C-alpha atoms as a PDB file:
ATOM      1  CA  UNK A   1       6.841 -32.098 -44.064  1.00  0.00           C
ATOM      2  CA  UNK A   2       8.922 -33.922 -41.451  1.00  0.00           C
ATOM      3  CA  UNK A   3      11.409 -31.959 -39.401  1.00  0.00           C
ATOM      4  CA  UNK A   4      15.072 -32.716 -39.722  1.00  0.00           C
ATOM      5  CA  UNK A   5      16.623 -33.795 -36.446  1.00  0.00           C
ATOM      6  CA  UNK A   6      19.632 -31.792 -35.364  1.00  0.00           C
ATOM      7  CA  UNK A   7      22.772 -33.873 -35.136  1.00  0.00           C
ATOM      8  CA  UNK A   8      24.603 -33.400 -31.810  1.00  0.00           C
ATOM      9  CA  UNK A   9      28.113 -32.040 -32.092  1.00  0.00           C
ATOM     10  CA  UNK A  10      31.092 -33.997 -30.778  1.00  0.00           C
ATOM     11  CA  UNK A  11      32.323 -33.632 -27.217  1.00  0.00           C
ATOM     12  CA  UNK A  12      35.525 -31.912 -28.313  1.00  0.00           C
ATOM     13  CA  UNK A  13      33.559 -29.403 -30.417  1.00  0.00           C
ATOM     14  CA  UNK A  14      31.202 -28.816 -27.487  1.00  0.00           C
ATOM     15  CA  UNK A  15      34.119 -28.111 -25.167  1.00  0.00           C
ATOM     16  CA  UNK A  16      35.628 -25.700 -27.711  1.00  0.00           C
ATOM     17  CA  UNK A  17      32.338 -23.788 -27.817  1.00  0.00           C
ATOM     18  CA  UNK A  18      31.989 -23.798 -24.034  1.00  0.00           C
ATOM     19  CA  UNK A  19      35.500 -22.374 -23.683  1.00  0.00           C
ATOM     20  CA  UNK A  20      34.356 -19.056 -25.178  1.00  0.00           C
ATOM     21  CA  UNK A  21      33.392 -16.177 -22.891  1.00  0.00           C
ATOM     22  CA  UNK A  22      30.300 -15.127 -24.873  1.00  0.00           C
ATOM     23  CA  UNK A  23      27.689 -17.125 -26.772  1.00  0.00           C
ATOM     24  CA  UNK A  24      25.700 -16.037 -29.814  1.00  0.00           C
ATOM     25  CA  UNK A  25      22.564 -17.615 -31.267  1.00  0.00           C
ATOM     26  CA  UNK A  26      24.551 -19.987 -33.475  1.00  0.00           C
ATOM     27  CA  UNK A  27      26.577 -21.278 -30.502  1.00  0.00           C
ATOM     28  CA  UNK A  28      23.404 -21.893 -28.483  1.00  0.00           C
ATOM     29  CA  UNK A  29      21.842 -23.743 -31.430  1.00  0.00           C
ATOM     30  CA  UNK A  30      24.860 -26.055 -31.673  1.00  0.00           C
ATOM     31  CA  UNK A  31      25.135 -26.681 -27.923  1.00  0.00           C
ATOM     32  CA  UNK A  32      21.415 -27.317 -27.461  1.00  0.00           C
ATOM     33  CA  UNK A  33      20.837 -29.172 -30.751  1.00  0.00           C
ATOM     34  CA  UNK A  34      18.030 -26.765 -31.574  1.00  0.00           C
ATOM     35  CA  UNK A  35      17.213 -24.563 -34.531  1.00  0.00           C
ATOM     36  CA  UNK A  36      18.176 -20.915 -34.879  1.00  0.00           C
ATOM     37  CA  UNK A  37      14.683 -19.686 -33.949  1.00  0.00           C
ATOM     38  CA  UNK A  38      14.580 -21.737 -30.751  1.00  0.00           C
ATOM     39  CA  UNK A  39      18.157 -20.676 -29.927  1.00  0.00           C
ATOM     40  CA  UNK A  40      17.078 -17.042 -30.278  1.00  0.00           C
ATOM     41  CA  UNK A  41      14.280 -17.624 -27.782  1.00  0.00           C
ATOM     42  CA  UNK A  42      16.728 -19.266 -25.365  1.00  0.00           C
ATOM     43  CA  UNK A  43      19.186 -16.377 -25.770  1.00  0.00           C
ATOM     44  CA  UNK A  44      16.411 -13.860 -25.127  1.00  0.00           C
ATOM     45  CA  UNK A  45      15.323 -15.757 -21.994  1.00  0.00           C
ATOM     46  CA  UNK A  46      18.896 -15.792 -20.675  1.00  0.00           C
ATOM     47  CA  UNK A  47      19.395 -12.105 -21.514  1.00  0.00           C
ATOM     48  CA  UNK A  48      16.188 -11.106 -19.740  1.00  0.00           C
ATOM     49  CA  UNK A  49      17.190 -12.982 -16.591  1.00  0.00           C
ATOM     50  CA  UNK A  50      20.594 -11.260 -16.606  1.00  0.00           C
ATOM     51  CA  UNK A  51      19.216  -7.785 -17.294  1.00  0.00           C
ATOM     52  CA  UNK A  52      16.980  -8.067 -14.234  1.00  0.00           C
ATOM     53  CA  UNK A  53      20.260  -8.109 -12.296  1.00  0.00           C
ATOM     54  CA  UNK A  54      20.968  -4.675 -13.866  1.00  0.00           C
ATOM     55  CA  UNK A  55      23.836  -5.827 -16.086  1.00  0.00           C
ATOM     56  CA  UNK A  56      24.393  -4.555 -19.616  1.00  0.00           C
ATOM     57  CA  UNK A  57      25.231  -7.105 -22.315  1.00  0.00           C
ATOM     58  CA  UNK A  58      26.989  -6.777 -25.661  1.00  0.00           C
ATOM     59  CA  UNK A  59      24.503  -6.789 -28.536  1.00  0.00           C
ATOM     60  CA  UNK A  60      23.518 -10.332 -29.561  1.00  0.00           C
ATOM     61  CA  UNK A  61      25.648 -12.069 -26.938  1.00  0.00           C
ATOM     62  CA  UNK A  62      25.103 -13.705 -23.557  1.00  0.00           C
ATOM     63  CA  UNK A  63      27.716 -15.010 -21.116  1.00  0.00           C
ATOM     64  CA  UNK A  64      28.574 -18.663 -21.728  1.00  0.00           C
ATOM     65  CA  UNK A  65      28.284 -19.281 -17.978  1.00  0.00           C
ATOM     66  CA  UNK A  66      24.529 -18.694 -18.191  1.00  0.00           C
ATOM     67  CA  UNK A  67      24.206 -20.930 -21.270  1.00  0.00           C
ATOM     68  CA  UNK A  68      25.966 -23.730 -19.360  1.00  0.00           C
ATOM     69  CA  UNK A  69      23.590 -23.189 -16.433  1.00  0.00           C
ATOM     70  CA  UNK A  70      20.544 -23.118 -18.734  1.00  0.00           C
ATOM     71  CA  UNK A  71      21.375 -26.497 -20.290  1.00  0.00           C
ATOM     72  CA  UNK A  72      22.706 -27.894 -16.968  1.00  0.00           C
ATOM     73  CA  UNK A  73      25.954 -29.061 -18.577  1.00  0.00           C
ATOM     74  CA  UNK A  74      28.551 -30.925 -16.507  1.00  0.00           C
ATOM     75  CA  UNK A  75      31.927 -29.713 -17.774  1.00  0.00           C
ATOM     76  CA  UNK A  76      33.951 -32.144 -15.635  1.00  0.00           C
ATOM     77  CA  UNK A  77      32.004 -35.080 -17.061  1.00  0.00           C
ATOM     78  CA  UNK A  78      32.482 -33.874 -20.643  1.00  0.00           C
ATOM     79  CA  UNK A  79      36.237 -33.487 -20.105  1.00  0.00           C
ATOM     80  CA  UNK A  80      36.463 -36.963 -18.543  1.00  0.00           C
ATOM     81  CA  UNK A  81      34.593 -38.566 -21.454  1.00  0.00           C
ATOM     82  CA  UNK A  82      36.756 -36.696 -23.959  1.00  0.00           C
ATOM     83  CA  UNK A  83      39.899 -38.083 -22.315  1.00  0.00           C
ATOM     84  CA  UNK A  84      38.467 -41.608 -22.449  1.00  0.00           C
ATOM     85  CA  UNK A  85      37.575 -41.295 -26.121  1.00  0.00           C
ATOM     86  CA  UNK A  86      41.089 -40.068 -26.888  1.00  0.00           C
ATOM     87  CA  UNK A  87      42.535 -43.082 -25.068  1.00  0.00           C
ATOM     88  CA  UNK A  88      44.093 -41.161 -22.204  1.00  0.00           C
ATOM     89  CA  UNK A  89      44.108 -42.596 -18.698  1.00  0.00           C
ATOM     90  CA  UNK A  90      44.406 -40.973 -15.286  1.00  0.00           C
ATOM     91  CA  UNK A  91      47.476 -43.083 -14.389  1.00  0.00           C
ATOM     92  CA  UNK A  92      50.843 -41.337 -14.078  1.00  0.00           C
END
């Protein structure tokens, strides 16, 4: 059986997710366009790297900062593209 490809979410939806302080498995799945199982593995990897720094995490959550670092997301670029798609310009 062929796998269904995950549809990427829009830039505005991505920015809304990235604006949160904590990320759960569902958020990681949406941001990374991966399934829930793969998102769980990613979350576990992030959590293990943080816990080696002797920090305690809320159950089932990881800081969004580490998710952004994991996927190497450029927030400034995403915001700039969102402005362009909305028709805004940088002129005053």
